Amino acid sequence: MARILAAGILVGILDGLFAIALYVVALKVTTPVRLFQSIASAVLGPDSFQGGLLTAGLGLLLHFTVAHAWSAVYFLALRVSPLFRCLVAAPARAVVVGMAYGILVWLVMDLVAIPMTRTRPTPVTARSFLYVLVGHMFVVGLPIALVIRPRHVGTP
């Protein structure tokens, strides 16, 4: 449980900073407050942009909740699959699996989960799509895989 918590916090911080660096600093398309309000819009819809810091805070909470959820999914996969545990036992393989997991996380979020909410996904043709896909390899999948590594080949 401690590793899920640690991975979720680390991923929440890294992914949040990555999103700010990409959307606020590099692309200059939003502000940090509006960025997290956009996450809150998944449950509140467009009204989230009228809620100020309160809805930005909700977006931040949702962001960390999702980071913890993906960390828990990875941990559970390790718990139920001896083959998966063996695959990620070596650090180099854990890196590769983690980066692949980051890609999987972004694709599931953008193509499956987000369309079921009150917000819209990033179109595959958007210039930010590839940046976010690659970013998730390093700020989501990799930290999860390295923090939630099996201690021994036979245990999660």
N, C-alpha and C. Protein backbone atom coordinates (compact mmCIF):
# COMPACT_ATOMS: atom_id res chain seq x y z
N MET A 1 0.82 -1.20 0.00
CA MET A 1 0.00 0.00 0.00
C MET A 1 0.86 1.26 0.00
N ALA A 2 1.98 1.21 0.73
CA ALA A 2 2.88 2.37 0.79
C ALA A 2 3.48 2.67 -0.58
N ARG A 3 3.76 1.62 -1.36
CA ARG A 3 4.33 1.84 -2.69
C ARG A 3 3.30 2.44 -3.64
N ILE A 4 2.04 2.07 -3.50
CA ILE A 4 0.98 2.68 -4.32
C ILE A 4 0.87 4.15 -3.97
N LEU A 5 0.87 4.46 -2.69
CA LEU A 5 0.78 5.85 -2.24
C LEU A 5 1.98 6.66 -2.75
N ALA A 6 3.17 6.11 -2.60
CA ALA A 6 4.39 6.81 -3.05
C ALA A 6 4.37 7.03 -4.56
N ALA A 7 4.01 5.99 -5.30
CA ALA A 7 3.97 6.11 -6.76
C ALA A 7 2.91 7.12 -7.19
N GLY A 8 1.75 7.10 -6.55
CA GLY A 8 0.69 8.05 -6.90
C GLY A 8 1.09 9.48 -6.64
N ILE A 9 1.75 9.71 -5.53
CA ILE A 9 2.20 11.08 -5.22
C ILE A 9 3.27 11.51 -6.22
N LEU A 10 4.23 10.64 -6.48
CA LEU A 10 5.30 10.99 -7.43
C LEU A 10 4.74 11.25 -8.82
N VAL A 11 3.88 10.38 -9.29
CA VAL A 11 3.29 10.55 -10.62
C VAL A 11 2.41 11.80 -10.66
N GLY A 12 1.64 12.05 -9.62
CA GLY A 12 0.81 13.25 -9.58
C GLY A 12 1.65 14.51 -9.71
N ILE A 13 2.77 14.54 -9.00
CA ILE A 13 3.66 15.71 -9.07
C ILE A 13 4.33 15.82 -10.43
N LEU A 14 4.94 14.73 -10.89
CA LEU A 14 5.66 14.77 -12.17
C LEU A 14 4.74 15.07 -13.35
N ASP A 15 3.59 14.41 -13.38
CA ASP A 15 2.65 14.63 -14.49
C ASP A 15 2.06 16.03 -14.43
N GLY A 16 1.78 16.52 -13.23
CA GLY A 16 1.27 17.89 -13.09
C GLY A 16 2.29 18.92 -13.56
N LEU A 17 3.54 18.73 -13.18
CA LEU A 17 4.60 19.64 -13.62
C LEU A 17 4.82 19.54 -15.13
N PHE A 18 4.74 18.32 -15.66
CA PHE A 18 4.87 18.14 -17.11
C PHE A 18 3.74 18.87 -17.84
N ALA A 19 2.51 18.73 -17.35
CA ALA A 19 1.38 19.40 -18.00
C ALA A 19 1.54 20.92 -17.95
N ILE A 20 2.00 21.44 -16.83
CA ILE A 20 2.23 22.89 -16.72
C ILE A 20 3.35 23.31 -17.69
N ALA A 21 4.44 22.54 -17.72
CA ALA A 21 5.54 22.87 -18.63
C ALA A 21 5.08 22.85 -20.08
N LEU A 22 4.27 21.88 -20.44
CA LEU A 22 3.82 21.76 -21.83
C LEU A 22 2.79 22.82 -22.19
N TYR A 23 1.67 22.84 -21.43
CA TYR A 23 0.54 23.68 -21.83
C TYR A 23 0.68 25.14 -21.42
N VAL A 24 1.34 25.41 -20.31
CA VAL A 24 1.47 26.79 -19.83
C VAL A 24 2.74 27.43 -20.39
N VAL A 25 3.86 26.74 -20.24
CA VAL A 25 5.15 27.34 -20.60
C VAL A 25 5.46 27.18 -22.09
N ALA A 26 5.44 25.96 -22.61
CA ALA A 26 5.87 25.72 -23.99
C ALA A 26 4.80 26.15 -25.01
N LEU A 27 3.59 25.64 -24.86
CA LEU A 27 2.54 25.94 -25.84
C LEU A 27 1.80 27.24 -25.56
N LYS A 28 1.89 27.73 -24.32
CA LYS A 28 1.24 28.98 -23.92
C LYS A 28 -0.26 29.03 -24.27
N VAL A 29 -0.95 27.92 -23.95
CA VAL A 29 -2.38 27.86 -24.27
C VAL A 29 -3.29 27.99 -23.05
N THR A 30 -2.71 28.03 -21.85
CA THR A 30 -3.55 28.11 -20.66
C THR A 30 -2.72 28.59 -19.48
N THR A 31 -3.37 28.63 -18.33
CA THR A 31 -2.71 28.98 -17.07
C THR A 31 -2.77 27.74 -16.16
N PRO A 32 -1.97 27.72 -15.10
CA PRO A 32 -2.06 26.56 -14.19
C PRO A 32 -3.47 26.38 -13.60
N VAL A 33 -4.11 27.47 -13.25
CA VAL A 33 -5.46 27.36 -12.68
C VAL A 33 -6.42 26.78 -13.70
N ARG A 34 -6.41 27.29 -14.92
CA ARG A 34 -7.31 26.77 -15.96
C ARG A 34 -6.97 25.33 -16.33
N LEU A 35 -5.71 24.98 -16.25
CA LEU A 35 -5.31 23.60 -16.53
C LEU A 35 -6.01 22.64 -15.58
N PHE A 36 -5.96 22.95 -14.28
CA PHE A 36 -6.60 22.06 -13.31
C PHE A 36 -8.12 22.20 -13.32
N GLN A 37 -8.63 23.36 -13.70
CA GLN A 37 -10.07 23.50 -13.89
C GLN A 37 -10.53 22.61 -15.05
N SER A 38 -9.67 22.46 -16.06
CA SER A 38 -10.05 21.60 -17.19
C SER A 38 -10.16 20.15 -16.75
N ILE A 39 -9.35 19.75 -15.78
CA ILE A 39 -9.48 18.40 -15.24
C ILE A 39 -10.80 18.28 -14.47
N ALA A 40 -11.14 19.30 -13.71
CA ALA A 40 -12.42 19.29 -12.98
C ALA A 40 -13.61 19.29 -13.93
N SER A 41 -13.41 19.80 -15.13
CA SER A 41 -14.52 19.84 -16.09
C SER A 41 -14.96 18.43 -16.48
N ALA A 42 -14.15 17.43 -16.20
CA ALA A 42 -14.57 16.05 -16.47
C ALA A 42 -15.82 15.70 -15.68
N VAL A 43 -15.96 16.26 -14.48
CA VAL A 43 -17.16 15.99 -13.67
C VAL A 43 -18.12 17.17 -13.62
N LEU A 44 -17.60 18.38 -13.76
CA LEU A 44 -18.46 19.57 -13.64
C LEU A 44 -18.88 20.16 -14.98
N GLY A 45 -18.23 19.76 -16.04
CA GLY A 45 -18.51 20.36 -17.34
C GLY A 45 -17.93 21.77 -17.41
N PRO A 46 -18.42 22.58 -18.34
CA PRO A 46 -17.88 23.92 -18.54
C PRO A 46 -17.97 24.83 -17.32
N ASP A 47 -18.87 24.54 -16.39
CA ASP A 47 -19.00 25.35 -15.18
C ASP A 47 -17.73 25.36 -14.34
N SER A 48 -16.87 24.37 -14.55
CA SER A 48 -15.63 24.30 -13.76
C SER A 48 -14.77 25.54 -13.98
N PHE A 49 -14.88 26.18 -15.14
CA PHE A 49 -14.05 27.34 -15.45
C PHE A 49 -14.54 28.61 -14.76
N GLN A 50 -15.69 28.53 -14.10
CA GLN A 50 -16.22 29.67 -13.36
C GLN A 50 -15.99 29.54 -11.86
N GLY A 51 -15.36 28.44 -11.45
CA GLY A 51 -15.24 28.16 -10.02
C GLY A 51 -13.97 28.62 -9.35
N GLY A 52 -13.08 29.28 -10.08
CA GLY A 52 -11.86 29.80 -9.48
C GLY A 52 -10.97 28.72 -8.90
N LEU A 53 -10.34 29.06 -7.78
CA LEU A 53 -9.39 28.14 -7.15
C LEU A 53 -10.07 26.89 -6.59
N LEU A 54 -11.36 27.00 -6.27
CA LEU A 54 -12.08 25.85 -5.73
C LEU A 54 -12.15 24.72 -6.76
N THR A 55 -12.52 25.05 -8.01
CA THR A 55 -12.60 24.00 -9.02
C THR A 55 -11.20 23.59 -9.49
N ALA A 56 -10.23 24.50 -9.44
CA ALA A 56 -8.84 24.11 -9.74
C ALA A 56 -8.37 23.10 -8.69
N GLY A 57 -8.73 23.33 -7.44
CA GLY A 57 -8.39 22.38 -6.37
C GLY A 57 -9.04 21.03 -6.59
N LEU A 58 -10.29 21.04 -7.04
CA LEU A 58 -10.97 19.78 -7.36
C LEU A 58 -10.23 19.07 -8.49
N GLY A 59 -9.81 19.82 -9.50
CA GLY A 59 -9.05 19.24 -10.60
C GLY A 59 -7.75 18.63 -10.12
N LEU A 60 -7.07 19.31 -9.21
CA LEU A 60 -5.83 18.79 -8.65
C LEU A 60 -6.09 17.50 -7.87
N LEU A 61 -7.17 17.47 -7.10
CA LEU A 61 -7.54 16.26 -6.36
C LEU A 61 -7.85 15.11 -7.32
N LEU A 62 -8.59 15.39 -8.37
CA LEU A 62 -8.90 14.36 -9.37
C LEU A 62 -7.62 13.87 -10.05
N HIS A 63 -6.72 14.79 -10.34
CA HIS A 63 -5.45 14.45 -10.98
C HIS A 63 -4.67 13.45 -10.12
N PHE A 64 -4.57 13.72 -8.83
CA PHE A 64 -3.85 12.81 -7.93
C PHE A 64 -4.61 11.51 -7.73
N THR A 65 -5.93 11.56 -7.76
CA THR A 65 -6.73 10.34 -7.63
C THR A 65 -6.46 9.41 -8.80
N VAL A 66 -6.42 9.97 -9.99
CA VAL A 66 -6.13 9.17 -11.19
C VAL A 66 -4.71 8.60 -11.13
N ALA A 67 -3.76 9.40 -10.68
CA ALA A 67 -2.38 8.92 -10.56
C ALA A 67 -2.30 7.72 -9.60
N HIS A 68 -3.03 7.81 -8.50
CA HIS A 68 -3.05 6.70 -7.55
C HIS A 68 -3.77 5.49 -8.13
N ALA A 69 -4.82 5.73 -8.89
CA ALA A 69 -5.58 4.61 -9.49
C ALA A 69 -4.69 3.82 -10.46
N TRP A 70 -3.94 4.52 -11.32
CA TRP A 70 -3.07 3.83 -12.26
C TRP A 70 -1.94 3.12 -11.51
N SER A 71 -1.48 3.67 -10.42
CA SER A 71 -0.47 3.00 -9.60
C SER A 71 -1.05 1.72 -9.00
N ALA A 72 -2.28 1.78 -8.55
CA ALA A 72 -2.94 0.60 -7.97
C ALA A 72 -3.17 -0.47 -9.03
N VAL A 73 -3.53 -0.08 -10.24
CA VAL A 73 -3.73 -1.05 -11.32
C VAL A 73 -2.43 -1.81 -11.59
N TYR A 74 -1.32 -1.09 -11.64
CA TYR A 74 -0.02 -1.71 -11.88
C TYR A 74 0.31 -2.68 -10.74
N PHE A 75 0.10 -2.24 -9.51
CA PHE A 75 0.37 -3.08 -8.36
C PHE A 75 -0.48 -4.35 -8.40
N LEU A 76 -1.75 -4.21 -8.74
CA LEU A 76 -2.64 -5.37 -8.80
C LEU A 76 -2.21 -6.33 -9.91
N ALA A 77 -1.75 -5.78 -11.04
CA ALA A 77 -1.25 -6.64 -12.12
C ALA A 77 -0.06 -7.46 -11.64
N LEU A 78 0.81 -6.83 -10.87
CA LEU A 78 1.95 -7.56 -10.29
C LEU A 78 1.48 -8.64 -9.33
N ARG A 79 0.47 -8.31 -8.58
CA ARG A 79 -0.02 -9.24 -7.55
C ARG A 79 -0.64 -10.50 -8.15
N VAL A 80 -1.34 -10.35 -9.26
CA VAL A 80 -2.06 -11.49 -9.82
C VAL A 80 -1.29 -12.24 -10.89
N SER A 81 -0.21 -11.67 -11.39
CA SER A 81 0.49 -12.32 -12.50
C SER A 81 1.95 -12.64 -12.17
N PRO A 82 2.25 -13.90 -11.91
CA PRO A 82 3.64 -14.29 -11.69
C PRO A 82 4.51 -13.99 -12.92
N LEU A 83 3.95 -14.14 -14.09
CA LEU A 83 4.70 -13.84 -15.31
C LEU A 83 5.08 -12.37 -15.38
N PHE A 84 4.14 -11.50 -15.02
CA PHE A 84 4.40 -10.06 -15.01
C PHE A 84 5.48 -9.72 -13.98
N ARG A 85 5.39 -10.32 -12.80
CA ARG A 85 6.41 -10.10 -11.77
C ARG A 85 7.79 -10.51 -12.27
N CYS A 86 7.86 -11.64 -12.93
CA CYS A 86 9.14 -12.12 -13.46
C CYS A 86 9.64 -11.17 -14.55
N LEU A 87 8.75 -10.71 -15.38
CA LEU A 87 9.11 -9.82 -16.48
C LEU A 87 9.74 -8.52 -15.98
N VAL A 88 9.22 -7.96 -14.90
CA VAL A 88 9.71 -6.66 -14.42
C VAL A 88 10.74 -6.79 -13.29
N ALA A 89 11.15 -8.01 -12.97
CA ALA A 89 12.10 -8.21 -11.88
C ALA A 89 13.45 -7.56 -12.16
N ALA A 90 13.90 -7.62 -13.40
CA ALA A 90 15.18 -6.99 -13.76
C ALA A 90 14.94 -5.50 -14.02
N PRO A 91 15.79 -4.64 -13.49
CA PRO A 91 15.58 -3.19 -13.65
C PRO A 91 15.43 -2.72 -15.10
N ALA A 92 16.23 -3.27 -16.01
CA ALA A 92 16.13 -2.83 -17.41
C ALA A 92 14.78 -3.19 -18.01
N ARG A 93 14.27 -4.37 -17.68
CA ARG A 93 12.95 -4.76 -18.18
C ARG A 93 11.86 -3.95 -17.51
N ALA A 94 12.03 -3.60 -16.25
CA ALA A 94 11.05 -2.76 -15.56
C ALA A 94 10.95 -1.39 -16.23
N VAL A 95 12.07 -0.87 -16.70
CA VAL A 95 12.07 0.41 -17.41
C VAL A 95 11.26 0.31 -18.70
N VAL A 96 11.50 -0.73 -19.47
CA VAL A 96 10.79 -0.90 -20.75
C VAL A 96 9.29 -1.10 -20.51
N VAL A 97 8.97 -1.96 -19.55
CA VAL A 97 7.55 -2.20 -19.23
C VAL A 97 6.90 -0.92 -18.72
N GLY A 98 7.62 -0.18 -17.88
CA GLY A 98 7.07 1.07 -17.35
C GLY A 98 6.78 2.08 -18.45
N MET A 99 7.69 2.19 -19.39
CA MET A 99 7.47 3.14 -20.48
C MET A 99 6.29 2.71 -21.35
N ALA A 100 6.17 1.41 -21.58
CA ALA A 100 5.01 0.90 -22.33
C ALA A 100 3.73 1.15 -21.54
N TYR A 101 3.81 0.99 -20.22
CA TYR A 101 2.64 1.24 -19.38
C TYR A 101 2.21 2.71 -19.46
N GLY A 102 3.17 3.61 -19.51
CA GLY A 102 2.85 5.03 -19.66
C GLY A 102 2.07 5.29 -20.94
N ILE A 103 2.48 4.64 -22.02
CA ILE A 103 1.75 4.78 -23.29
C ILE A 103 0.34 4.24 -23.13
N LEU A 104 0.22 3.06 -22.53
CA LEU A 104 -1.09 2.46 -22.31
C LEU A 104 -1.99 3.38 -21.48
N VAL A 105 -1.43 3.94 -20.41
CA VAL A 105 -2.21 4.84 -19.56
C VAL A 105 -2.77 6.00 -20.37
N TRP A 106 -1.92 6.66 -21.16
CA TRP A 106 -2.39 7.82 -21.92
C TRP A 106 -3.44 7.41 -22.94
N LEU A 107 -3.22 6.32 -23.65
CA LEU A 107 -4.20 5.90 -24.66
C LEU A 107 -5.54 5.54 -24.03
N VAL A 108 -5.51 4.83 -22.92
CA VAL A 108 -6.78 4.48 -22.24
C VAL A 108 -7.46 5.74 -21.71
N MET A 109 -6.69 6.63 -21.11
CA MET A 109 -7.28 7.87 -20.59
C MET A 109 -7.91 8.68 -21.72
N ASP A 110 -7.15 8.92 -22.77
CA ASP A 110 -7.61 9.82 -23.81
C ASP A 110 -8.65 9.21 -24.74
N LEU A 111 -8.53 7.93 -25.02
CA LEU A 111 -9.43 7.32 -26.00
C LEU A 111 -10.61 6.58 -25.38
N VAL A 112 -10.51 6.24 -24.09
CA VAL A 112 -11.60 5.49 -23.45
C VAL A 112 -12.22 6.27 -22.29
N ALA A 113 -11.41 6.65 -21.30
CA ALA A 113 -11.95 7.26 -20.08
C ALA A 113 -12.47 8.68 -20.31
N ILE A 114 -11.67 9.55 -20.89
CA ILE A 114 -12.08 10.95 -21.06
C ILE A 114 -13.34 11.08 -21.91
N PRO A 115 -13.51 10.31 -22.99
CA PRO A 115 -14.76 10.43 -23.75
C PRO A 115 -16.02 10.09 -22.94
N MET A 116 -15.86 9.39 -21.82
CA MET A 116 -17.01 9.06 -20.99
C MET A 116 -17.32 10.15 -19.97
N THR A 117 -16.54 11.23 -19.97
CA THR A 117 -16.74 12.31 -19.01
C THR A 117 -17.41 13.49 -19.69
N ARG A 118 -17.45 14.62 -18.99
CA ARG A 118 -18.08 15.83 -19.50
C ARG A 118 -17.09 16.74 -20.22
N THR A 119 -15.90 16.23 -20.49
CA THR A 119 -14.90 17.00 -21.22
C THR A 119 -14.56 16.27 -22.51
N ARG A 120 -13.67 16.84 -23.28
CA ARG A 120 -13.34 16.19 -24.55
C ARG A 120 -11.87 15.74 -24.55
N PRO A 121 -11.61 14.64 -25.26
CA PRO A 121 -10.25 14.13 -25.32
C PRO A 121 -9.37 14.98 -26.24
N THR A 122 -8.08 14.75 -26.18
CA THR A 122 -7.14 15.39 -27.09
C THR A 122 -7.20 14.64 -28.41
N PRO A 123 -7.54 15.32 -29.50
CA PRO A 123 -7.56 14.61 -30.79
C PRO A 123 -6.18 14.05 -31.12
N VAL A 124 -6.15 12.90 -31.74
CA VAL A 124 -4.89 12.27 -32.12
C VAL A 124 -4.10 13.19 -33.06
N THR A 125 -4.80 14.05 -33.77
CA THR A 125 -4.14 14.97 -34.71
C THR A 125 -3.62 16.25 -34.05
N ALA A 126 -3.93 16.47 -32.79
CA ALA A 126 -3.47 17.68 -32.09
C ALA A 126 -1.96 17.63 -31.91
N ARG A 127 -1.33 18.79 -31.99
CA ARG A 127 0.14 18.81 -31.87
C ARG A 127 0.60 18.35 -30.48
N SER A 128 -0.25 18.48 -29.48
CA SER A 128 0.14 18.08 -28.14
C SER A 128 -0.01 16.58 -27.89
N PHE A 129 -0.75 15.86 -28.74
CA PHE A 129 -1.03 14.45 -28.49
C PHE A 129 0.26 13.64 -28.37
N LEU A 130 1.17 13.78 -29.32
CA LEU A 130 2.41 13.01 -29.29
C LEU A 130 3.29 13.42 -28.11
N TYR A 131 3.32 14.72 -27.79
CA TYR A 131 4.09 15.18 -26.64
C TYR A 131 3.60 14.52 -25.36
N VAL A 132 2.29 14.49 -25.20
CA VAL A 132 1.71 13.91 -23.99
C VAL A 132 1.92 12.40 -23.96
N LEU A 133 1.79 11.76 -25.11
CA LEU A 133 2.02 10.31 -25.19
C LEU A 133 3.45 9.97 -24.75
N VAL A 134 4.42 10.67 -25.30
CA VAL A 134 5.82 10.43 -24.93
C VAL A 134 6.07 10.84 -23.48
N GLY A 135 5.49 11.96 -23.07
CA GLY A 135 5.64 12.41 -21.68
C GLY A 135 5.15 11.38 -20.69
N HIS A 136 4.04 10.72 -21.00
CA HIS A 136 3.50 9.71 -20.09
C HIS A 136 4.45 8.52 -19.92
N MET A 137 5.28 8.27 -20.90
CA MET A 137 6.27 7.20 -20.76
C MET A 137 7.21 7.51 -19.59
N PHE A 138 7.58 8.79 -19.47
CA PHE A 138 8.60 9.18 -18.50
C PHE A 138 8.04 9.68 -17.17
N VAL A 139 6.87 10.32 -17.17
CA VAL A 139 6.36 10.91 -15.93
C VAL A 139 5.22 10.10 -15.30
N VAL A 140 4.75 9.07 -16.01
CA VAL A 140 3.69 8.22 -15.45
C VAL A 140 4.17 6.76 -15.37
N GLY A 141 4.38 6.15 -16.51
CA GLY A 141 4.71 4.73 -16.53
C GLY A 141 6.02 4.38 -15.85
N LEU A 142 7.07 5.11 -16.18
CA LEU A 142 8.39 4.81 -15.62
C LEU A 142 8.43 4.96 -14.10
N PRO A 143 7.92 6.07 -13.54
CA PRO A 143 7.94 6.15 -12.06
C PRO A 143 7.11 5.06 -11.39
N ILE A 144 5.97 4.72 -11.98
CA ILE A 144 5.15 3.66 -11.39
C ILE A 144 5.92 2.35 -11.40
N ALA A 145 6.54 2.03 -12.53
CA ALA A 145 7.26 0.76 -12.64
C ALA A 145 8.45 0.69 -11.71
N LEU A 146 9.12 1.81 -11.49
CA LEU A 146 10.30 1.80 -10.63
C LEU A 146 9.95 1.82 -9.14
N VAL A 147 8.87 2.50 -8.79
CA VAL A 147 8.47 2.54 -7.38
C VAL A 147 7.77 1.25 -6.99
N ILE A 148 6.95 0.72 -7.87
CA ILE A 148 6.19 -0.50 -7.56
C ILE A 148 6.86 -1.68 -8.25
N ARG A 149 8.10 -1.94 -7.89
CA ARG A 149 8.82 -3.10 -8.40
C ARG A 149 8.68 -4.22 -7.40
N PRO A 150 8.63 -5.44 -7.90
CA PRO A 150 8.60 -6.55 -6.95
C PRO A 150 9.90 -6.59 -6.14
N ARG A 151 9.76 -6.88 -4.88
CA ARG A 151 10.94 -6.97 -4.02
C ARG A 151 11.73 -8.24 -4.30
N HIS A 152 10.99 -9.30 -4.65
CA HIS A 152 11.58 -10.59 -5.02
C HIS A 152 10.82 -11.06 -6.23
N VAL A 153 11.38 -11.95 -6.99
CA VAL A 153 10.71 -12.42 -8.21
C VAL A 153 9.36 -13.03 -7.90
N GLY A 154 9.19 -13.69 -6.79
CA GLY A 154 7.93 -14.36 -6.49
C GLY A 154 6.90 -13.50 -5.78
N THR A 155 7.22 -12.27 -5.36
CA THR A 155 6.27 -11.47 -4.59
C THR A 155 6.10 -10.09 -5.20
N PRO A 156 4.91 -9.48 -5.05
CA PRO A 156 4.70 -8.13 -5.60
C PRO A 156 5.34 -7.04 -4.78
